[in-house]
Amino acid sequence: MTMLSRHEWLKLVGASAAGSLALGSANRSAIAAETSGGSTVEYTLPPLPYAVDALEPHLDARTLTIHHDKHHAGYVRGLNATLAKLEEARAKSDFGQVQALSGALAFHGSGHVLHTLYFANLHPKPNPPRGELLTAIKTQFGSVDALVAHLSAATAQVAGSGWGMLAFEPVGKRLVVLQIEKHENQMLCGAVPLLLIDVWEHAYYLQYQNRRSDYIKAITNVIHWDEVSRRFAQAQ
């Protein structure tokens, strides 16, 4: 596995202190493919790593299709469009819209990264946590059930649209549970995402309506802990 470099991460989310993001080589190539010239990066929508009905009954095929094919694809288009506008601004030395474009870069770039991680950390037949990840969970949270309860509560209580996240904080070398508002607000600088739960309404409303907690409980049945373990190992 390879780690997305700090330079690449800053290009992607447009944040000056975002830290490094642990991604497998397959996820990294899905997120961005450099053109033959080597200077321009075109971001592409990665395919789902399973069939659209594979997560039923926990997540239905219609919701998953719309979420991936419409919403995630929209963030990819927005990211590429924003980068094109920034390139045009540099060419013209016209930075009158740089504040708005910087915000759009962070929003669409973070949306693309987080969705890629979210879809990859779900699995129709997951294994339970094990190995070093299990040890870390027990040490810092007491048990897997305690972690899931904490993460579920934090995710359910996100104000408006956003995400719940289990991350690795490299300074203290600890696991932390975080909330993200929208795609980019309330991030802990340097924290490496390990596990994401999307609680924008488009992620669950067709199936669960306003029952966000029911959706979160269902998602915990399909968490791909082996993928979380790989991210944890890479983050260290």
Protein backbone atom coordinates (compact mmCIF):
# COMPACT_ATOMS: atom_id res chain seq x y z
CA MET A 1 0.00 0.00 0.00
CA THR A 2 1.08 3.59 -0.62
CA MET A 3 0.27 6.75 1.29
CA LEU A 4 -1.17 9.81 -0.40
CA SER A 5 1.54 12.41 0.10
CA ARG A 6 0.98 15.66 1.95
CA HIS A 7 1.48 17.56 -1.32
CA GLU A 8 -1.20 15.49 -3.06
CA TRP A 9 -3.60 15.86 -0.13
CA LEU A 10 -3.19 19.64 -0.11
CA LYS A 11 -3.89 19.74 -3.83
CA LEU A 12 -6.99 17.66 -3.25
CA VAL A 13 -8.67 19.45 -0.35
CA GLY A 14 -7.02 22.86 -0.53
CA ALA A 15 -6.18 23.00 3.18
CA SER A 16 -2.85 24.21 4.49
CA ALA A 17 -2.66 21.79 7.42
CA ALA A 18 -4.72 18.78 6.40
CA GLY A 19 -2.04 16.19 7.19
CA SER A 20 -1.57 12.87 5.41
CA LEU A 21 -4.38 10.55 4.34
CA ALA A 22 -3.97 6.78 4.47
CA LEU A 23 -5.27 5.19 1.29
CA GLY A 24 -4.60 1.92 -0.46
CA SER A 25 -3.12 2.15 -3.93
CA ALA A 26 -6.42 1.09 -5.49
CA ASN A 27 -8.30 3.89 -3.72
CA ARG A 28 -5.60 6.39 -4.58
CA SER A 29 -5.72 5.58 -8.30
CA ALA A 30 -9.52 5.76 -8.18
CA ILE A 31 -9.46 9.22 -6.64
CA ALA A 32 -7.08 10.85 -9.11
CA ALA A 33 -5.42 9.92 -12.39
CA GLU A 34 -2.69 12.18 -13.73
CA THR A 35 -2.81 13.10 -17.40
CA SER A 36 0.04 12.11 -19.68
CA GLY A 37 1.53 15.57 -19.32
CA GLY A 38 1.97 15.00 -15.60
CA SER A 39 0.97 18.53 -14.59
CA THR A 40 -2.83 18.35 -14.60
CA VAL A 41 -4.82 16.02 -12.37
CA GLU A 42 -8.23 14.86 -13.55
CA TYR A 43 -10.33 13.37 -10.77
CA THR A 44 -12.56 10.44 -11.63
CA LEU A 45 -15.48 8.64 -10.01
CA PRO A 46 -14.35 5.22 -8.72
CA PRO A 47 -16.80 2.34 -9.23
CA LEU A 48 -18.54 0.82 -6.24
CA PRO A 49 -16.50 -2.13 -4.86
CA TYR A 50 -19.64 -4.31 -4.71
CA ALA A 51 -22.99 -4.71 -6.45
CA VAL A 52 -25.56 -1.99 -5.74
CA ASP A 53 -27.83 -4.47 -3.94
CA ALA A 54 -25.03 -6.15 -1.97
CA LEU A 55 -25.64 -4.19 1.23
CA GLU A 56 -29.37 -4.91 1.45
CA PRO A 57 -31.38 -4.93 3.67
CA HIS A 58 -29.17 -2.47 5.55
CA LEU A 59 -28.79 -0.09 2.60
CA ASP A 60 -31.06 -0.44 -0.40
CA ALA A 61 -29.94 -0.47 -4.03
CA ARG A 62 -31.87 2.67 -5.03
CA THR A 63 -30.30 4.78 -2.31
CA LEU A 64 -26.83 3.45 -3.05
CA THR A 65 -27.21 4.06 -6.80
CA ILE A 66 -28.37 7.66 -6.39
CA HIS A 67 -25.76 8.33 -3.69
CA HIS A 68 -22.88 7.07 -5.82
CA ASP A 69 -23.95 7.87 -9.39
CA LYS A 70 -25.49 11.28 -8.70
CA HIS A 71 -24.12 12.80 -5.49
CA HIS A 72 -20.56 11.44 -5.44
CA ALA A 73 -20.27 12.08 -9.18
CA GLY A 74 -21.39 15.65 -8.55
CA TYR A 75 -18.51 16.27 -6.16
CA VAL A 76 -16.06 14.93 -8.74
CA ARG A 77 -17.47 17.28 -11.38
CA GLY A 78 -17.41 20.18 -8.94
CA LEU A 79 -13.80 19.48 -8.00
CA ASN A 80 -12.62 19.36 -11.61
CA ALA A 81 -14.60 22.49 -12.50
CA THR A 82 -13.14 24.39 -9.54
CA LEU A 83 -9.58 23.40 -10.47
CA ALA A 84 -10.21 24.57 -14.03
CA LYS A 85 -11.44 27.95 -12.77
CA LEU A 86 -8.39 28.30 -10.54
CA GLU A 87 -6.11 27.50 -13.47
CA GLU A 88 -7.89 30.16 -15.52
CA ALA A 89 -7.53 32.66 -12.67
CA ARG A 90 -3.78 32.03 -12.50
CA ALA A 91 -3.44 32.41 -16.25
CA LYS A 92 -5.21 35.79 -16.14
CA SER A 93 -3.68 36.87 -12.81
CA ASP A 94 -7.27 37.56 -11.73
CA PHE A 95 -7.80 36.35 -8.17
CA GLY A 96 -10.99 38.23 -7.38
CA GLN A 97 -12.86 34.96 -6.79
CA VAL A 98 -10.06 33.10 -5.01
CA GLN A 99 -11.86 33.02 -1.64
CA ALA A 100 -14.98 31.44 -3.10
CA LEU A 101 -12.96 29.05 -5.26
CA SER A 102 -10.79 27.99 -2.31
CA GLY A 103 -13.95 27.16 -0.39
CA ALA A 104 -15.32 25.20 -3.35
CA LEU A 105 -12.05 23.30 -3.67
CA ALA A 106 -12.18 22.25 -0.02
CA PHE A 107 -15.88 21.36 -0.22
CA HIS A 108 -15.85 19.31 -3.43
CA GLY A 109 -12.39 17.82 -2.81
CA SER A 110 -13.26 16.69 0.70
CA GLY A 111 -16.61 15.39 -0.53
CA HIS A 112 -14.86 13.26 -3.13
CA VAL A 113 -12.30 11.84 -0.70
CA LEU A 114 -14.79 11.13 2.08
CA HIS A 115 -17.26 9.42 -0.26
CA THR A 116 -14.50 7.25 -1.72
CA LEU A 117 -13.51 6.17 1.80
CA TYR A 118 -17.14 5.70 2.89
CA PHE A 119 -18.09 3.35 0.07
CA ALA A 120 -14.86 1.40 0.51
CA ASN A 121 -15.37 0.95 4.27
CA LEU A 122 -18.65 -0.91 3.74
CA HIS A 123 -18.85 -4.63 2.95
CA PRO A 124 -21.72 -7.12 2.59
CA LYS A 125 -20.02 -9.78 4.74
CA PRO A 126 -17.55 -8.03 7.04
CA ASN A 127 -15.23 -9.59 9.58
CA PRO A 128 -15.15 -8.20 13.13
CA PRO A 129 -12.21 -5.98 14.17
CA ARG A 130 -9.02 -7.93 14.89
CA GLY A 131 -5.27 -7.61 15.26
CA GLU A 132 -3.66 -4.28 16.10
CA LEU A 133 -6.87 -2.38 15.43
CA LEU A 134 -8.78 -4.48 17.95
CA THR A 135 -6.03 -3.99 20.52
CA ALA A 136 -6.10 -0.22 20.02
CA ILE A 137 -9.89 -0.12 20.25
CA LYS A 138 -9.90 -2.07 23.52
CA THR A 139 -7.09 0.05 24.96
CA GLN A 140 -8.67 3.40 24.12
CA PHE A 141 -12.41 2.68 24.19
CA GLY A 142 -12.69 -0.42 26.38
CA SER A 143 -14.48 -2.54 23.79
CA VAL A 144 -15.71 -2.57 20.20
CA ASP A 145 -19.26 -2.04 21.46
CA ALA A 146 -18.16 1.08 23.35
CA LEU A 147 -16.46 2.47 20.23
CA VAL A 148 -19.51 1.76 18.07
CA ALA A 149 -21.78 3.38 20.66
CA HIS A 150 -19.58 6.49 20.80
CA LEU A 151 -19.23 6.74 17.02
CA SER A 152 -22.97 6.17 16.51
CA ALA A 153 -23.91 8.87 19.01
CA ALA A 154 -21.45 11.37 17.56
CA THR A 155 -22.69 10.64 14.05
CA ALA A 156 -26.35 10.93 15.00
CA GLN A 157 -25.73 14.30 16.65
CA VAL A 158 -23.94 15.94 13.73
CA ALA A 159 -25.56 19.36 13.30
CA GLY A 160 -27.25 19.34 9.91
CA SER A 161 -25.40 17.53 7.13
CA GLY A 162 -22.05 15.86 7.71
CA TRP A 163 -20.17 12.76 8.77
CA GLY A 164 -19.11 10.70 11.74
CA MET A 165 -15.48 9.63 11.62
CA LEU A 166 -13.06 7.35 13.41
CA ALA A 167 -9.57 8.72 12.83
CA PHE A 168 -5.97 8.20 13.89
CA GLU A 169 -4.36 11.27 15.47
CA PRO A 170 -0.60 10.92 14.85
CA VAL A 171 0.74 13.35 17.47
CA GLY A 172 -0.86 11.53 20.40
CA LYS A 173 -0.88 8.24 18.44
CA ARG A 174 -4.50 7.64 19.40
CA LEU A 175 -7.84 6.83 17.85
CA VAL A 176 -10.37 9.67 18.00
CA VAL A 177 -14.06 9.94 17.14
CA LEU A 178 -14.90 13.16 15.29
CA GLN A 179 -17.84 14.91 13.71
CA ILE A 180 -17.54 16.63 10.34
CA GLU A 181 -20.02 19.32 9.30
CA LYS A 182 -20.67 19.45 5.56
CA HIS A 183 -17.49 17.86 4.17
CA GLU A 184 -14.74 20.05 5.51
CA ASN A 185 -15.73 21.80 8.76
CA GLN A 186 -14.56 20.67 12.22
CA MET A 187 -11.70 18.56 10.89
CA LEU A 188 -8.83 17.85 13.29
CA CYS A 189 -5.64 18.87 11.49
CA GLY A 190 -3.41 15.88 10.79
CA ALA A 191 -6.03 13.27 11.76
CA VAL A 192 -6.14 10.38 9.29
CA PRO A 193 -9.64 9.11 8.41
CA LEU A 194 -10.10 5.41 9.15
CA LEU A 195 -13.88 4.94 9.09
CA LEU A 196 -16.59 7.24 7.76
CA ILE A 197 -20.38 7.26 8.18
CA ASP A 198 -22.20 9.65 5.86
CA VAL A 199 -25.20 11.42 7.41
CA TRP A 200 -26.10 13.80 4.64
CA GLU A 201 -29.79 13.07 4.03
CA HIS A 202 -29.10 11.75 0.53
CA ALA A 203 -27.23 8.84 2.17
CA TYR A 204 -30.31 7.46 3.92
CA TYR A 205 -33.53 9.43 3.46
CA LEU A 206 -35.18 7.30 0.75
CA GLN A 207 -35.02 4.23 2.98
CA TYR A 208 -34.97 5.62 6.52
CA GLN A 209 -36.62 9.05 6.12
CA ASN A 210 -35.87 11.09 9.27
CA ARG A 211 -34.73 8.03 11.26
CA ARG A 212 -31.04 8.84 11.17
CA SER A 213 -30.29 6.64 14.19
CA ASP A 214 -31.88 3.61 12.50
CA TYR A 215 -29.69 4.16 9.45
CA ILE A 216 -26.56 4.45 11.60
CA LYS A 217 -27.44 1.24 13.46
CA ALA A 218 -27.92 -0.54 10.11
CA ILE A 219 -24.60 0.73 8.76
CA THR A 220 -22.74 -0.75 11.74
CA ASN A 221 -23.72 -4.19 10.38
CA VAL A 222 -21.74 -3.67 7.18
CA ILE A 223 -18.56 -1.91 8.36
CA HIS A 224 -15.56 -3.34 6.52
CA TRP A 225 -13.26 -3.64 9.53
CA ASP A 226 -10.50 -5.26 7.49
CA GLU A 227 -10.33 -2.09 5.39
CA VAL A 228 -10.31 0.01 8.56
CA SER A 229 -7.43 -2.14 9.83
CA ARG A 230 -5.45 -1.53 6.64
CA ARG A 231 -5.93 2.22 6.98
CA PHE A 232 -4.91 2.06 10.63
CA ALA A 233 -1.72 0.15 9.83
CA GLN A 234 -0.85 2.62 7.07
CA ALA A 235 -1.59 5.63 9.28
CA GLN A 236 0.92 4.47 11.87
